[in-house]
Amino acid sequence: MSHRIPPLPSRRHLLYGALAIPLGAAGMSLAACANKSGEAAADPHAPLNVGQISNSVAFFPLHVAESKGFFEDEAVTLGERPRLGTGAKLAAALTSGSIDIGAGVLTDAFNMAGVDDGTVITTSLVTEYYVDIIVAKDFDGPAADAPLEEKIQSLVGRNIGITGPGSGTEALLTYLFGLIGKDPKTDSTMVNLGGAVTAAVGAMSGGDVEVLAFFQPVGQQVETEGLGSIYLSPARGDVPDMAGQLHGVVFASGDGVSAKRTQIDAFNAAIGSALTLISEGGDEVRELLTEYLENTPEETVDKLLEILPHQTPDDPAPTQEAYDIGAAFHMDSGLVDEAPDFADFHLGN
């Protein structure tokens, strides 16, 4: 099953069920940003407050940029950088103005656009779907090399840990179950665990869940501790139609872009330097990753170092191709009926 988004009519909508929300204003032109800048934008040295969901690998570039002084090099000062646990909390912080930009996943950006038609994606962080399906060591499903549909069927009826409702972890389950005509809301029991790696690993080790749909490095840590294994991984190609999609992103409200455009551009330049360093790998990246994922076993870090270059984009600017694959995933899974036009939904140059 291969999908791409056809050209959309001039009046675009993002649809959730029967609710249609116009998205014609989703993309703000640079002129509009300049015109709305106001007092905050007059000070290009004002701190940029960045929220993120968790310390998953998607947000490792922020740690790299901070540790290596790339933000300082670009003359941007980071303010508060809370870990907010879910995309819903990230969107709430953006809406309230307590943060200027939020590091989450594309699902979170779509959900935000449902209530704020000025939402834009500012930064690409990961271009593979970095959520895995992880099973406990005593899981009695088909073998790892079984057909995809058989492996998905074995998830039906299970207790499955996710970060929370409306998240990218739930989105993966919705998509996979949809491939076999099922719905995880009714055909499994989803257990909300929040965004902490320790909570997910603890839920599996304690027998509270048989399966996890969780971001990296949870799967790698489960394998390191001998608790289970990564059963399905879009990032390693187990779900071919999901390969190469925009997933880890930074996004903002229209007002946030207007007030902090100078800082956001500088932020992106710093992230670009971090992405280049991560792609190159080596001992320096290993040291930074070990520091970022504190108390994570060395074997887990090694597993991540093998896959990070594959899922790291060349540039922080989102691409049409990666966005189209991600949008198709969201439409195929029923998370959205129609996606915003890319030109209106990313920051641009």
Protein backbone atom coordinates (compact mmCIF):
# COMPACT_ATOMS: atom_id res chain seq x y z
CA MET A 1 0.00 0.00 0.00
CA SER A 2 1.67 3.20 -1.15
CA HIS A 3 0.08 6.60 -0.80
CA ARG A 4 0.94 10.16 -1.61
CA ILE A 5 -1.18 13.22 -0.98
CA PRO A 6 -2.89 14.57 -4.10
CA PRO A 7 -2.98 18.32 -4.67
CA LEU A 8 -5.48 19.86 -2.29
CA PRO A 9 -8.09 22.46 -3.19
CA SER A 10 -7.34 26.05 -2.35
CA ARG A 11 -9.47 25.88 0.80
CA ARG A 12 -7.68 23.28 2.89
CA HIS A 13 -9.03 21.56 5.96
CA LEU A 14 -7.78 19.29 8.66
CA LEU A 15 -10.63 16.98 9.62
CA TYR A 16 -11.10 15.09 12.85
CA GLY A 17 -14.17 12.92 12.52
CA ALA A 18 -17.03 15.17 11.49
CA LEU A 19 -15.25 18.33 12.64
CA ALA A 20 -13.72 20.39 9.84
CA ILE A 21 -11.28 23.11 10.79
CA PRO A 22 -10.08 25.49 8.05
CA LEU A 23 -6.34 25.56 7.63
CA GLY A 24 -6.01 28.32 5.06
CA ALA A 25 -4.12 30.44 7.56
CA ALA A 26 -1.75 27.67 8.67
CA GLY A 27 1.20 29.09 6.80
CA MET A 28 2.23 32.57 7.73
CA SER A 29 4.28 34.42 5.16
CA LEU A 30 7.44 36.10 6.25
CA ALA A 31 5.84 39.45 5.63
CA ALA A 32 3.00 38.55 7.97
CA CYS A 33 5.50 37.43 10.58
CA ALA A 34 7.32 40.73 10.31
CA ASN A 35 4.13 42.75 10.49
CA LYS A 36 2.91 41.00 13.61
CA SER A 37 6.23 40.92 15.41
CA GLY A 38 5.49 43.48 18.12
CA GLU A 39 7.62 44.21 21.16
CA ALA A 40 8.95 40.66 21.74
CA ALA A 41 10.25 40.35 18.18
CA ALA A 42 12.04 43.71 18.52
CA ASP A 43 14.51 42.04 20.88
CA PRO A 44 16.34 39.31 18.94
CA HIS A 45 18.21 38.37 22.12
CA ALA A 46 15.09 37.46 24.11
CA PRO A 47 15.28 33.83 25.35
CA LEU A 48 13.65 31.11 23.28
CA ASN A 49 11.59 28.78 25.50
CA VAL A 50 11.54 25.24 24.12
CA GLY A 51 9.35 22.43 25.45
CA GLN A 52 9.86 18.79 24.56
CA ILE A 53 7.91 15.64 25.29
CA SER A 54 10.71 13.55 26.75
CA ASN A 55 14.35 12.56 26.42
CA SER A 56 13.69 10.28 23.46
CA VAL A 57 16.28 10.09 20.69
CA ALA A 58 14.22 12.47 18.54
CA PHE A 59 15.26 15.35 20.76
CA PHE A 60 18.90 14.36 21.06
CA PRO A 61 19.87 17.10 18.55
CA LEU A 62 18.79 19.73 21.10
CA HIS A 63 21.15 18.23 23.66
CA VAL A 64 23.97 18.10 21.14
CA ALA A 65 23.45 21.72 20.09
CA GLU A 66 23.36 22.84 23.72
CA SER A 67 26.37 20.80 24.84
CA LYS A 68 28.54 21.78 21.88
CA GLY A 69 27.72 25.46 22.15
CA PHE A 70 25.95 25.60 18.79
CA PHE A 71 23.14 27.73 20.23
CA GLU A 72 25.69 30.18 21.60
CA ASP A 73 27.42 30.23 18.21
CA GLU A 74 24.14 31.33 16.63
CA ALA A 75 23.49 33.90 19.40
CA VAL A 76 20.30 32.26 20.63
CA THR A 77 19.65 31.88 24.36
CA LEU A 78 17.46 29.00 25.48
CA GLY A 79 15.09 29.69 28.35
CA GLU A 80 12.97 27.02 29.98
CA ARG A 81 13.11 23.54 28.37
CA PRO A 82 10.60 21.41 30.31
CA ARG A 83 9.87 17.74 29.56
CA LEU A 84 6.09 17.74 29.30
CA GLY A 85 5.29 14.05 28.81
CA THR A 86 2.66 14.18 26.05
CA GLY A 87 1.86 16.09 22.90
CA ALA A 88 -1.34 17.39 24.46
CA LYS A 89 0.63 19.06 27.25
CA LEU A 90 3.08 20.42 24.70
CA ALA A 91 0.23 22.01 22.73
CA ALA A 92 -1.27 23.45 25.91
CA ALA A 93 2.05 25.08 26.81
CA LEU A 94 2.33 26.54 23.30
CA THR A 95 -1.22 27.85 23.46
CA SER A 96 -0.65 29.46 26.86
CA GLY A 97 2.60 31.04 25.73
CA SER A 98 4.71 29.37 28.42
CA ILE A 99 6.90 27.98 25.63
CA ASP A 100 7.64 29.41 22.18
CA ILE A 101 8.29 26.20 20.25
CA GLY A 102 7.61 22.55 21.04
CA ALA A 103 9.62 19.44 20.17
CA GLY A 104 7.26 16.54 19.56
CA VAL A 105 6.10 14.40 16.66
CA LEU A 106 4.12 15.15 13.52
CA THR A 107 0.97 13.78 15.18
CA ASP A 108 1.27 16.49 17.82
CA ALA A 109 1.62 19.18 15.16
CA PHE A 110 -1.51 17.95 13.38
CA ASN A 111 -3.42 17.88 16.67
CA MET A 112 -2.27 21.42 17.45
CA ALA A 113 -3.40 22.58 14.02
CA GLY A 114 -6.87 21.29 14.87
CA VAL A 115 -7.22 24.08 17.43
CA ASP A 116 -4.78 26.67 16.06
CA ASP A 117 -4.82 27.13 12.30
CA GLY A 118 -1.63 29.19 12.52
CA THR A 119 0.41 26.15 13.57
CA VAL A 120 3.59 25.59 11.55
CA ILE A 121 6.36 23.00 11.57
CA THR A 122 9.64 24.80 12.10
CA THR A 123 12.20 22.00 12.24
CA SER A 124 12.79 18.42 11.10
CA LEU A 125 14.52 16.26 13.72
CA VAL A 126 13.90 12.65 12.64
CA THR A 127 12.84 11.22 9.28
CA GLU A 128 11.93 7.71 10.36
CA TYR A 129 9.06 6.66 12.60
CA TYR A 130 11.07 5.98 15.73
CA VAL A 131 8.32 4.22 17.73
CA ASP A 132 8.68 0.44 18.08
CA ILE A 133 6.36 -2.39 19.01
CA ILE A 134 8.13 -4.20 21.84
CA VAL A 135 7.03 -7.54 23.28
CA ALA A 136 7.84 -9.27 26.55
CA LYS A 137 10.18 -12.25 26.48
CA ASP A 138 7.32 -14.71 27.12
CA PHE A 139 5.15 -13.24 24.32
CA ASP A 140 3.48 -16.12 22.48
CA GLY A 141 3.00 -14.51 19.07
CA PRO A 142 4.34 -15.49 15.64
CA ALA A 143 8.07 -15.56 15.02
CA ALA A 144 9.98 -12.40 14.22
CA ASP A 145 10.13 -13.31 10.52
CA ALA A 146 6.37 -13.97 10.20
CA PRO A 147 4.29 -11.87 7.75
CA LEU A 148 3.43 -8.39 8.97
CA GLU A 149 -0.33 -9.04 9.17
CA GLU A 150 0.17 -12.13 11.33
CA LYS A 151 2.36 -10.22 13.75
CA ILE A 152 -0.18 -7.41 14.00
CA GLN A 153 -2.99 -9.92 14.60
CA SER A 154 -1.05 -11.28 17.57
CA LEU A 155 -1.34 -7.86 19.26
CA VAL A 156 -5.15 -8.05 19.36
CA GLY A 157 -6.50 -8.44 22.88
CA ARG A 158 -3.24 -7.52 24.60
CA ASN A 159 -2.45 -4.94 27.25
CA ILE A 160 -0.32 -2.41 25.36
CA GLY A 161 1.58 0.44 26.98
CA ILE A 162 1.60 3.84 25.22
CA THR A 163 2.64 7.32 26.29
CA GLY A 164 -0.93 8.67 26.18
CA PRO A 165 -4.00 9.43 24.04
CA GLY A 166 -3.42 11.30 20.80
CA SER A 167 0.29 10.48 20.85
CA GLY A 168 2.57 9.10 18.16
CA THR A 169 2.67 5.85 20.11
CA GLU A 170 -1.11 5.46 19.89
CA ALA A 171 -0.96 6.55 16.23
CA LEU A 172 1.28 3.62 15.33
CA LEU A 173 -1.14 1.16 16.93
CA THR A 174 -4.09 2.77 15.15
CA TYR A 175 -2.30 2.44 11.81
CA LEU A 176 -1.16 -1.16 12.33
CA PHE A 177 -4.51 -2.38 13.63
CA GLY A 178 -6.19 -0.64 10.72
CA LEU A 179 -4.19 -2.81 8.30
CA ILE A 180 -6.11 -5.84 9.59
CA GLY A 181 -9.46 -4.09 10.05
CA LYS A 182 -9.16 -3.65 13.80
CA ASP A 183 -9.14 -0.71 16.22
CA PRO A 184 -6.79 -0.71 19.24
CA LYS A 185 -9.33 1.27 21.27
CA THR A 186 -11.76 -1.67 21.16
CA ASP A 187 -9.54 -4.62 20.20
CA SER A 188 -6.82 -4.13 22.81
CA THR A 189 -6.33 -2.42 26.17
CA MET A 190 -4.10 0.62 25.87
CA VAL A 191 -2.36 1.58 29.10
CA ASN A 192 -1.21 5.20 29.43
CA LEU A 193 2.30 5.30 30.91
CA GLY A 194 3.48 8.85 30.22
CA GLY A 195 6.76 9.75 28.59
CA ALA A 196 9.32 8.36 31.05
CA VAL A 197 11.53 5.52 29.81
CA THR A 198 11.70 4.07 33.32
CA ALA A 199 7.91 3.85 33.53
CA ALA A 200 7.67 1.94 30.26
CA VAL A 201 10.44 -0.50 31.10
CA GLY A 202 9.04 -0.92 34.62
CA ALA A 203 5.55 -1.69 33.30
CA MET A 204 6.92 -4.48 31.15
CA SER A 205 9.23 -5.91 33.81
CA GLY A 206 6.36 -5.86 36.32
CA GLY A 207 3.98 -7.66 33.97
CA ASP A 208 1.54 -4.75 33.75
CA VAL A 209 1.73 -4.83 29.95
CA GLU A 210 2.62 -7.54 27.45
CA VAL A 211 3.42 -5.10 24.70
CA LEU A 212 4.79 -1.57 24.45
CA ALA A 213 4.31 0.89 21.61
CA PHE A 214 7.10 3.24 22.61
CA PHE A 215 9.77 5.54 21.28
CA GLN A 216 13.46 4.75 21.16
CA PRO A 217 15.40 3.95 23.33
CA VAL A 218 12.77 1.92 25.23
CA GLY A 219 12.99 -1.08 22.88
CA GLN A 220 16.77 -1.07 22.98
CA GLN A 221 16.74 -0.92 26.78
CA VAL A 222 14.19 -3.73 27.06
CA GLU A 223 16.48 -5.89 24.93
CA THR A 224 19.56 -4.93 26.93
CA GLU A 225 17.86 -5.91 30.18
CA GLY A 226 16.62 -9.20 28.72
CA LEU A 227 12.96 -8.31 29.29
CA GLY A 228 11.82 -8.72 25.70
CA SER A 229 12.52 -7.71 22.12
CA ILE A 230 11.63 -5.21 19.40
CA TYR A 231 8.92 -7.03 17.44
CA LEU A 232 8.00 -4.43 14.82
CA SER A 233 10.11 -1.41 13.94
CA PRO A 234 9.10 1.03 11.19
CA ALA A 235 12.56 2.63 11.43
CA ARG A 236 14.29 -0.62 10.41
CA GLY A 237 11.86 -1.16 7.52
CA ASP A 238 9.37 -3.63 9.03
CA VAL A 239 6.45 -1.50 7.77
CA PRO A 240 7.58 -0.48 4.25
CA ASP A 241 4.94 2.18 3.60
CA MET A 242 6.08 4.10 6.67
CA ALA A 243 9.75 4.38 5.63
CA GLY A 244 11.31 7.82 5.34
CA GLN A 245 8.52 9.83 6.90
CA LEU A 246 8.83 13.07 8.82
CA HIS A 247 8.26 12.16 12.45
CA GLY A 248 10.28 14.08 15.05
CA VAL A 249 9.55 17.79 14.59
CA VAL A 250 9.57 21.16 16.27
CA PHE A 251 6.43 23.23 15.78
CA ALA A 252 4.96 26.53 16.91
CA SER A 253 1.83 28.61 16.90
CA GLY A 254 1.55 31.50 14.48
CA ASP A 255 1.94 33.96 17.34
CA GLY A 256 5.05 32.15 18.54
CA VAL A 257 6.67 32.42 15.13
CA SER A 258 5.77 36.09 14.88
CA ALA A 259 7.33 36.93 18.23
CA LYS A 260 10.50 34.83 17.94
CA ARG A 261 11.27 34.41 14.25
CA THR A 262 14.88 35.60 14.60
CA GLN A 263 15.50 33.17 17.46
CA ILE A 264 13.80 30.29 15.63
CA ASP A 265 16.01 30.81 12.57
CA ALA A 266 19.08 30.81 14.82
CA PHE A 267 17.76 27.72 16.63
CA ASN A 268 17.45 25.91 13.30
CA ALA A 269 20.98 26.83 12.29
CA ALA A 270 22.25 25.34 15.56
CA ILE A 271 20.17 22.19 15.06
CA GLY A 272 21.64 21.88 11.55
CA SER A 273 25.13 21.74 13.06
CA ALA A 274 23.94 19.12 15.55
CA LEU A 275 22.38 16.95 12.82
CA THR A 276 25.65 17.00 10.87
CA LEU A 277 27.60 15.88 13.92
CA ILE A 278 25.13 13.08 14.70
CA SER A 279 25.25 11.82 11.10
CA GLU A 280 29.03 11.54 11.33
CA GLY A 281 28.86 9.41 14.48
CA GLY A 282 32.01 8.54 16.37
CA ASP A 283 33.21 8.72 19.96
CA GLU A 284 32.05 12.29 20.48
CA VAL A 285 28.46 11.40 19.61
CA ARG A 286 28.68 8.31 21.82
CA GLU A 287 29.79 10.46 24.75
CA LEU A 288 26.99 12.97 24.18
CA LEU A 289 24.36 10.22 23.83
CA THR A 290 25.57 8.52 27.01
CA GLU A 291 25.28 11.85 28.81
CA TYR A 292 21.81 12.53 27.34
CA LEU A 293 20.43 9.09 28.23
CA GLU A 294 21.84 9.11 31.75
CA ASN A 295 21.97 5.74 33.52
CA THR A 296 21.37 3.95 30.21
CA PRO A 297 23.44 0.76 29.76
CA GLU A 298 26.35 0.97 27.31
CA GLU A 299 24.85 -1.80 25.18
CA THR A 300 21.68 0.25 24.71
CA VAL A 301 23.73 3.26 23.64
CA ASP A 302 25.60 1.08 21.13
CA LYS A 303 22.33 -0.14 19.62
CA LEU A 304 21.15 3.44 19.17
CA LEU A 305 24.42 4.61 17.64
CA GLU A 306 23.95 2.05 14.88
CA ILE A 307 20.60 3.47 13.78
CA LEU A 308 20.87 7.19 14.49
CA PRO A 309 22.59 8.16 11.21
CA HIS A 310 19.87 6.38 9.20
CA GLN A 311 17.06 8.36 10.75
CA THR A 312 18.81 11.73 11.00
CA PRO A 313 17.87 14.24 8.26
CA ASP A 314 20.56 16.10 6.35
CA ASP A 315 18.95 19.45 7.08
CA PRO A 316 16.54 20.83 9.72
CA ALA A 317 14.25 22.18 7.00
CA PRO A 318 11.32 19.74 6.48
CA THR A 319 11.08 18.28 2.96
CA GLN A 320 7.98 17.74 0.85
CA GLU A 321 8.74 14.04 0.38
CA ALA A 322 9.16 13.23 4.07
CA TYR A 323 6.07 15.27 4.93
CA ASP A 324 3.95 13.54 2.28
CA ILE A 325 4.84 10.09 3.64
CA GLY A 326 4.03 11.22 7.18
CA ALA A 327 0.76 12.82 6.14
CA ALA A 328 -0.24 9.68 4.23
CA PHE A 329 0.41 7.64 7.38
CA HIS A 330 -1.92 9.89 9.35
CA MET A 331 -4.66 9.71 6.74
CA ASP A 332 -4.34 5.95 6.26
CA SER A 333 -4.63 5.45 10.01
CA GLY A 334 -7.71 7.68 10.20
CA LEU A 335 -6.01 10.20 12.46
CA VAL A 336 -6.80 12.91 9.91
CA ASP A 337 -9.12 12.85 6.91
CA GLU A 338 -7.13 15.43 5.02
CA ALA A 339 -3.72 16.91 5.74
CA PRO A 340 -2.68 20.54 5.43
CA ASP A 341 -0.83 21.54 2.30
CA PHE A 342 2.90 21.38 2.95
CA ALA A 343 3.49 24.90 1.68
CA ASP A 344 1.12 26.28 4.34
CA PHE A 345 2.28 24.03 7.17
CA HIS A 346 6.01 24.60 7.41
CA LEU A 347 8.03 27.65 8.22
CA GLY A 348 9.85 28.01 4.93
CA ASN A 349 12.97 30.03 4.33
